[in-house]
């Protein structure tokens, strides 16, 4: 499973890091959502692969995102 965040359209609501705080976090510089560093793909703050135990909460965060900026592949 791969997760991608459309950070340009993120509304900084906090839903993703509240639903899945082990995978998502608030960027300290621009306040938008990002993937926690250890789960990033090629160091990209907007792409990551959650460990199996976080797949459900990452999918829940995507479903609950009011701006629909989180996409799931695989």
N, C-alpha and C. Protein backbone atom coordinates (compact mmCIF):
# COMPACT_ATOMS: atom_id res chain seq x y z
N UNK A 1 0.84 -1.18 0.00
CA UNK A 1 0.00 0.00 0.00
C UNK A 1 0.89 1.24 0.00
N UNK A 2 0.57 2.18 -0.89
CA UNK A 2 1.30 3.45 -0.94
C UNK A 2 0.30 4.58 -0.72
N UNK A 3 0.68 5.55 0.08
CA UNK A 3 -0.16 6.69 0.41
C UNK A 3 0.46 7.95 -0.19
N UNK A 4 -0.38 8.78 -0.77
CA UNK A 4 0.09 10.06 -1.32
C UNK A 4 -0.83 11.18 -0.82
N UNK A 5 -0.22 12.31 -0.49
CA UNK A 5 -0.97 13.47 -0.01
C UNK A 5 -0.83 14.59 -1.05
N UNK A 6 -1.95 15.14 -1.46
CA UNK A 6 -1.95 16.31 -2.33
C UNK A 6 -1.82 17.53 -1.41
N UNK A 7 -0.61 17.88 -1.06
CA UNK A 7 -0.37 18.94 -0.06
C UNK A 7 -0.82 20.31 -0.54
N UNK A 8 -0.87 20.53 -1.84
CA UNK A 8 -1.29 21.83 -2.37
C UNK A 8 -2.75 22.11 -2.00
N UNK A 9 -3.56 21.06 -1.97
CA UNK A 9 -4.99 21.23 -1.67
C UNK A 9 -5.35 20.85 -0.24
N UNK A 10 -4.36 20.56 0.59
CA UNK A 10 -4.58 20.25 2.00
C UNK A 10 -5.15 21.49 2.69
N UNK A 11 -6.14 21.26 3.58
CA UNK A 11 -6.76 22.38 4.28
C UNK A 11 -6.32 22.47 5.74
N UNK A 12 -5.34 21.68 6.12
CA UNK A 12 -4.75 21.75 7.46
C UNK A 12 -5.79 21.51 8.56
N UNK A 13 -6.67 20.54 8.34
CA UNK A 13 -7.72 20.28 9.33
C UNK A 13 -7.24 19.40 10.49
N UNK A 14 -6.20 18.60 10.24
CA UNK A 14 -5.66 17.75 11.29
C UNK A 14 -6.27 16.37 11.39
N UNK A 15 -7.26 16.08 10.56
CA UNK A 15 -7.93 14.78 10.64
C UNK A 15 -6.96 13.63 10.47
N UNK A 16 -6.08 13.69 9.51
CA UNK A 16 -5.19 12.56 9.23
C UNK A 16 -4.25 12.26 10.39
N UNK A 17 -3.65 13.29 10.97
CA UNK A 17 -2.72 13.01 12.06
C UNK A 17 -3.45 12.71 13.37
N UNK A 18 -4.73 13.04 13.46
CA UNK A 18 -5.53 12.63 14.62
C UNK A 18 -5.97 11.17 14.49
N UNK A 19 -6.33 10.76 13.27
CA UNK A 19 -6.80 9.39 13.01
C UNK A 19 -5.64 8.40 12.97
N UNK A 20 -4.51 8.82 12.42
CA UNK A 20 -3.36 7.93 12.26
C UNK A 20 -2.06 8.67 12.63
N UNK A 21 -1.91 8.99 13.92
CA UNK A 21 -0.76 9.80 14.34
C UNK A 21 0.59 9.12 14.19
N UNK A 22 0.62 7.83 14.02
CA UNK A 22 1.89 7.15 13.84
C UNK A 22 2.42 7.24 12.43
N UNK A 23 1.57 7.70 11.49
CA UNK A 23 1.96 7.76 10.09
C UNK A 23 1.96 9.19 9.54
N UNK A 24 0.98 9.98 9.95
CA UNK A 24 0.87 11.37 9.48
C UNK A 24 1.27 12.33 10.59
N UNK A 25 1.76 13.50 10.18
CA UNK A 25 2.08 14.56 11.14
C UNK A 25 1.90 15.90 10.46
N UNK A 26 1.86 16.95 11.27
CA UNK A 26 1.76 18.31 10.76
C UNK A 26 3.16 18.83 10.47
N UNK A 27 3.35 19.38 9.29
CA UNK A 27 4.64 19.96 8.93
C UNK A 27 4.84 21.23 9.74
N UNK A 28 5.96 21.36 10.45
CA UNK A 28 6.19 22.52 11.31
C UNK A 28 6.40 23.83 10.54
N UNK A 29 6.75 23.74 9.27
CA UNK A 29 7.01 24.95 8.50
C UNK A 29 5.77 25.54 7.83
N UNK A 30 4.92 24.67 7.27
CA UNK A 30 3.75 25.19 6.55
C UNK A 30 2.42 24.71 7.13
N UNK A 31 2.48 23.89 8.17
CA UNK A 31 1.29 23.39 8.90
C UNK A 31 0.46 22.37 8.15
N UNK A 32 0.85 21.98 6.94
CA UNK A 32 0.08 20.99 6.20
C UNK A 32 0.52 19.57 6.58
N UNK A 33 -0.26 18.61 6.16
CA UNK A 33 0.02 17.21 6.47
C UNK A 33 1.25 16.71 5.73
N UNK A 34 1.94 15.80 6.38
CA UNK A 34 3.05 15.10 5.74
C UNK A 34 3.17 13.71 6.36
N UNK A 35 3.91 12.84 5.66
CA UNK A 35 4.18 11.50 6.15
C UNK A 35 5.37 11.57 7.10
N UNK A 36 5.30 10.86 8.20
CA UNK A 36 6.42 10.81 9.13
C UNK A 36 7.65 10.26 8.41
N UNK A 37 8.78 10.84 8.68
CA UNK A 37 10.01 10.60 7.92
C UNK A 37 10.35 9.12 7.69
N UNK A 38 10.25 8.29 8.68
CA UNK A 38 10.70 6.89 8.50
C UNK A 38 9.84 6.09 7.54
N UNK A 39 8.65 6.59 7.17
CA UNK A 39 7.77 5.88 6.25
C UNK A 39 7.74 6.49 4.86
N UNK A 40 8.51 7.54 4.62
CA UNK A 40 8.50 8.23 3.33
C UNK A 40 9.12 7.40 2.22
N UNK A 41 8.65 7.66 1.00
CA UNK A 41 9.20 7.03 -0.19
C UNK A 41 10.19 8.01 -0.80
N UNK A 42 11.43 7.60 -0.90
CA UNK A 42 12.49 8.43 -1.49
C UNK A 42 12.58 9.81 -0.84
N UNK A 43 12.26 9.91 0.45
CA UNK A 43 12.37 11.15 1.18
C UNK A 43 11.29 12.17 0.89
N UNK A 44 10.30 11.80 0.09
CA UNK A 44 9.22 12.73 -0.28
C UNK A 44 8.25 12.85 0.89
N UNK A 45 8.00 14.05 1.34
CA UNK A 45 7.14 14.25 2.51
C UNK A 45 5.67 13.93 2.24
N UNK A 46 5.29 13.87 0.97
CA UNK A 46 3.90 13.63 0.61
C UNK A 46 3.62 12.19 0.19
N UNK A 47 4.62 11.32 0.25
CA UNK A 47 4.41 9.92 -0.15
C UNK A 47 5.01 8.99 0.89
N UNK A 48 4.28 7.90 1.16
CA UNK A 48 4.79 6.96 2.13
C UNK A 48 4.16 5.59 2.03
N UNK A 49 4.80 4.64 2.68
CA UNK A 49 4.30 3.27 2.75
C UNK A 49 4.13 2.92 4.22
N UNK A 50 2.87 2.78 4.65
CA UNK A 50 2.64 2.46 6.06
C UNK A 50 2.97 0.99 6.34
N UNK A 51 3.46 0.70 7.53
CA UNK A 51 3.64 -0.70 7.89
C UNK A 51 2.25 -1.36 7.99
N UNK A 52 2.22 -2.66 7.91
CA UNK A 52 0.95 -3.39 7.88
C UNK A 52 0.01 -2.99 9.02
N UNK A 53 0.57 -2.79 10.21
CA UNK A 53 -0.27 -2.46 11.36
C UNK A 53 -0.87 -1.06 11.29
N UNK A 54 -0.41 -0.22 10.34
CA UNK A 54 -0.96 1.13 10.19
C UNK A 54 -1.79 1.29 8.92
N UNK A 55 -1.92 0.24 8.14
CA UNK A 55 -2.66 0.35 6.88
C UNK A 55 -4.12 0.75 7.11
N UNK A 56 -4.75 0.19 8.12
CA UNK A 56 -6.15 0.50 8.37
C UNK A 56 -6.34 1.95 8.77
N UNK A 57 -5.50 2.45 9.68
CA UNK A 57 -5.67 3.85 10.09
C UNK A 57 -5.31 4.81 8.96
N UNK A 58 -4.34 4.45 8.11
CA UNK A 58 -4.00 5.31 6.96
C UNK A 58 -5.18 5.36 5.99
N UNK A 59 -5.82 4.22 5.75
CA UNK A 59 -6.99 4.18 4.88
C UNK A 59 -8.15 4.95 5.50
N UNK A 60 -8.32 4.84 6.81
CA UNK A 60 -9.37 5.60 7.50
C UNK A 60 -9.12 7.10 7.36
N UNK A 61 -7.87 7.52 7.48
CA UNK A 61 -7.53 8.93 7.35
C UNK A 61 -7.87 9.43 5.94
N UNK A 62 -7.60 8.61 4.94
CA UNK A 62 -7.93 8.99 3.56
C UNK A 62 -9.44 9.14 3.39
N UNK A 63 -10.18 8.21 3.95
CA UNK A 63 -11.64 8.24 3.85
C UNK A 63 -12.23 9.45 4.58
N UNK A 64 -11.68 9.78 5.73
CA UNK A 64 -12.22 10.85 6.56
C UNK A 64 -11.72 12.25 6.20
N UNK A 65 -10.72 12.34 5.35
CA UNK A 65 -10.17 13.65 4.96
C UNK A 65 -11.25 14.48 4.28
N UNK A 66 -11.62 15.62 4.86
CA UNK A 66 -12.69 16.44 4.27
C UNK A 66 -12.32 17.06 2.92
N UNK A 67 -11.04 17.19 2.65
CA UNK A 67 -10.60 17.76 1.36
C UNK A 67 -10.28 16.69 0.33
N UNK A 68 -10.35 15.42 0.74
CA UNK A 68 -10.05 14.28 -0.15
C UNK A 68 -8.68 14.41 -0.81
N UNK A 69 -7.67 14.76 -0.03
CA UNK A 69 -6.33 14.95 -0.59
C UNK A 69 -5.40 13.76 -0.37
N UNK A 70 -5.90 12.71 0.29
CA UNK A 70 -5.07 11.53 0.55
C UNK A 70 -5.53 10.41 -0.35
N UNK A 71 -4.61 9.88 -1.15
CA UNK A 71 -4.94 8.77 -2.04
C UNK A 71 -4.15 7.53 -1.64
N UNK A 72 -4.75 6.38 -1.91
CA UNK A 72 -4.17 5.09 -1.56
C UNK A 72 -4.01 4.27 -2.84
N UNK A 73 -2.82 3.70 -3.04
CA UNK A 73 -2.58 2.78 -4.14
C UNK A 73 -2.22 1.42 -3.57
N UNK A 74 -2.77 0.40 -4.18
CA UNK A 74 -2.40 -0.96 -3.78
C UNK A 74 -3.08 -1.54 -2.62
